[in-house]
Amino acid sequence: MMKTLFAVLPMLVIATSVQAVPKYTSTRMNCDRVQATVRQQGVVVLTYPSPRKGGRMLYDTYVASRRFCRPGEITERVSVPSADRLRCPVLKCKPDEPSDNSDGGQERGPNDPTHL
């Protein structure tokens, strides 16, 4: 019984801590609705057609505020297309770059093993 509990417990913790991030197509909503959806959900994936490559969809994760970013990240104001506007302002997380450039100027992405 105890062995079964120890085997199942980690899976239960992982299953309850992982939340699916909702995905929306920004060009199917007006800008006010895009912004309201991001505010209500906290974190969303927005998809939209590529302006340069027909038929391709672009996507990224957008947040309601900095509290939805990882430690060491800040928000950056960017825009996505919406049904009624070419540029609908939203927030996106990005690494907080130190002003003293102490890391030698190398950017580290979230998939870099040295990224914190």
Protein backbone atom coordinates (compact mmCIF):
# COMPACT_ATOMS: atom_id res chain seq x y z
CA MET A 1 0.00 0.00 0.00
CA MET A 2 2.77 2.44 0.96
CA LYS A 3 4.75 1.70 -2.22
CA THR A 4 1.68 2.39 -4.32
CA LEU A 5 1.12 5.69 -2.54
CA PHE A 6 4.71 6.80 -3.14
CA ALA A 7 4.45 5.79 -6.80
CA VAL A 8 1.15 7.62 -7.41
CA LEU A 9 1.80 10.76 -5.32
CA PRO A 10 4.34 12.42 -7.70
CA MET A 11 2.01 11.89 -10.67
CA LEU A 12 -0.89 13.39 -8.74
CA VAL A 13 1.16 16.47 -7.81
CA ILE A 14 2.25 16.96 -11.42
CA ALA A 15 -1.28 16.48 -12.77
CA THR A 16 -2.78 19.03 -10.37
CA SER A 17 -0.03 21.64 -10.86
CA VAL A 18 -0.07 21.69 -14.65
CA GLN A 19 -2.69 23.96 -16.14
CA ALA A 20 -3.49 24.22 -19.81
CA VAL A 21 -2.97 27.68 -21.27
CA PRO A 22 -6.02 28.70 -23.32
CA LYS A 23 -5.45 29.41 -27.01
CA TYR A 24 -7.33 32.02 -29.04
CA THR A 25 -7.12 33.45 -32.56
CA SER A 26 -6.72 37.20 -32.08
CA THR A 27 -8.09 38.09 -35.53
CA ARG A 28 -11.43 36.49 -34.63
CA MET A 29 -11.94 39.01 -31.81
CA ASN A 30 -11.99 42.80 -31.66
CA CYS A 31 -9.14 44.46 -29.75
CA ASP A 32 -11.21 45.14 -26.63
CA ARG A 33 -12.15 41.44 -26.47
CA VAL A 34 -8.51 40.35 -26.97
CA GLN A 35 -7.40 42.56 -24.09
CA ALA A 36 -10.30 41.49 -21.86
CA THR A 37 -9.56 37.82 -22.54
CA VAL A 38 -5.89 38.25 -21.59
CA ARG A 39 -6.92 40.13 -18.40
CA GLN A 40 -9.49 37.49 -17.43
CA GLN A 41 -7.31 34.44 -18.17
CA GLY A 42 -4.00 35.89 -16.93
CA VAL A 43 -1.98 33.90 -19.50
CA VAL A 44 -3.11 33.03 -23.02
CA VAL A 45 -1.66 31.86 -26.30
CA LEU A 46 -2.74 34.09 -29.17
CA THR A 47 -2.49 32.90 -32.76
CA TYR A 48 -2.81 35.01 -35.88
CA PRO A 49 -1.95 34.77 -39.59
CA SER A 50 1.59 35.74 -40.57
CA PRO A 51 1.58 39.05 -42.44
CA ARG A 52 4.58 37.94 -44.54
CA LYS A 53 3.95 34.26 -45.26
CA GLY A 54 0.44 33.53 -46.40
CA GLY A 55 -1.21 30.55 -44.79
CA ARG A 56 1.19 30.39 -41.83
CA MET A 57 -0.05 31.03 -38.33
CA LEU A 58 2.11 32.76 -35.74
CA TYR A 59 1.61 32.35 -32.01
CA ASP A 60 3.05 33.44 -28.69
CA THR A 61 2.14 33.66 -25.02
CA TYR A 62 0.71 36.91 -23.64
CA VAL A 63 0.06 37.92 -20.04
CA ALA A 64 -2.16 40.24 -18.02
CA SER A 65 0.70 41.51 -15.85
CA ARG A 66 4.24 40.84 -14.67
CA ARG A 67 2.99 38.50 -11.95
CA PHE A 68 2.36 35.91 -14.68
CA CYS A 69 6.01 36.03 -15.82
CA ARG A 70 8.81 33.79 -14.59
CA PRO A 71 11.28 35.11 -12.03
CA GLY A 72 13.80 37.35 -13.80
CA GLU A 73 11.32 38.40 -16.49
CA ILE A 74 9.51 41.67 -17.05
CA THR A 75 6.64 42.62 -19.35
CA GLU A 76 7.05 44.24 -22.71
CA ARG A 77 4.23 46.00 -24.58
CA VAL A 78 3.78 44.43 -28.02
CA SER A 79 0.87 44.24 -30.43
CA VAL A 80 -1.10 41.56 -32.23
CA PRO A 81 -3.60 41.96 -35.04
CA SER A 82 -7.28 41.82 -34.09
CA ALA A 83 -10.49 41.82 -36.11
CA ASP A 84 -10.81 45.60 -35.89
CA ARG A 85 -7.21 46.80 -35.53
CA LEU A 86 -3.89 46.07 -37.17
CA ARG A 87 -2.10 46.62 -33.85
CA CYS A 88 -3.82 45.66 -30.62
CA PRO A 89 -1.59 46.34 -27.57
CA VAL A 90 -0.91 43.39 -25.24
CA LEU A 91 1.83 42.36 -22.80
CA LYS A 92 4.44 39.64 -23.26
CA CYS A 93 7.12 38.40 -20.84
CA LYS A 94 10.77 38.90 -21.71
CA PRO A 95 14.04 38.44 -19.82
CA ASP A 96 14.97 41.40 -17.63
CA GLU A 97 18.31 42.40 -19.11
CA PRO A 98 20.77 43.77 -16.57
CA SER A 99 21.89 47.32 -17.33
CA ASP A 100 25.54 46.60 -16.47
CA ASN A 101 25.75 43.86 -19.12
CA SER A 102 27.52 41.59 -16.60
CA ASP A 103 26.81 38.41 -18.59
CA GLY A 104 28.95 39.50 -21.52
CA GLY A 105 26.00 40.59 -23.63
CA GLN A 106 24.76 37.08 -24.35
CA GLU A 107 21.02 36.58 -24.27
CA ARG A 108 19.71 33.43 -22.66
CA GLY A 109 16.38 32.05 -23.70
CA PRO A 110 14.03 29.88 -21.61
CA ASN A 111 15.40 26.72 -23.26
CA ASP A 112 19.02 27.57 -22.40
CA PRO A 113 20.18 25.34 -19.51
CA THR A 114 21.85 28.36 -17.88
CA HIS A 115 18.67 30.46 -18.04
CA LEU A 116 17.24 31.09 -14.56
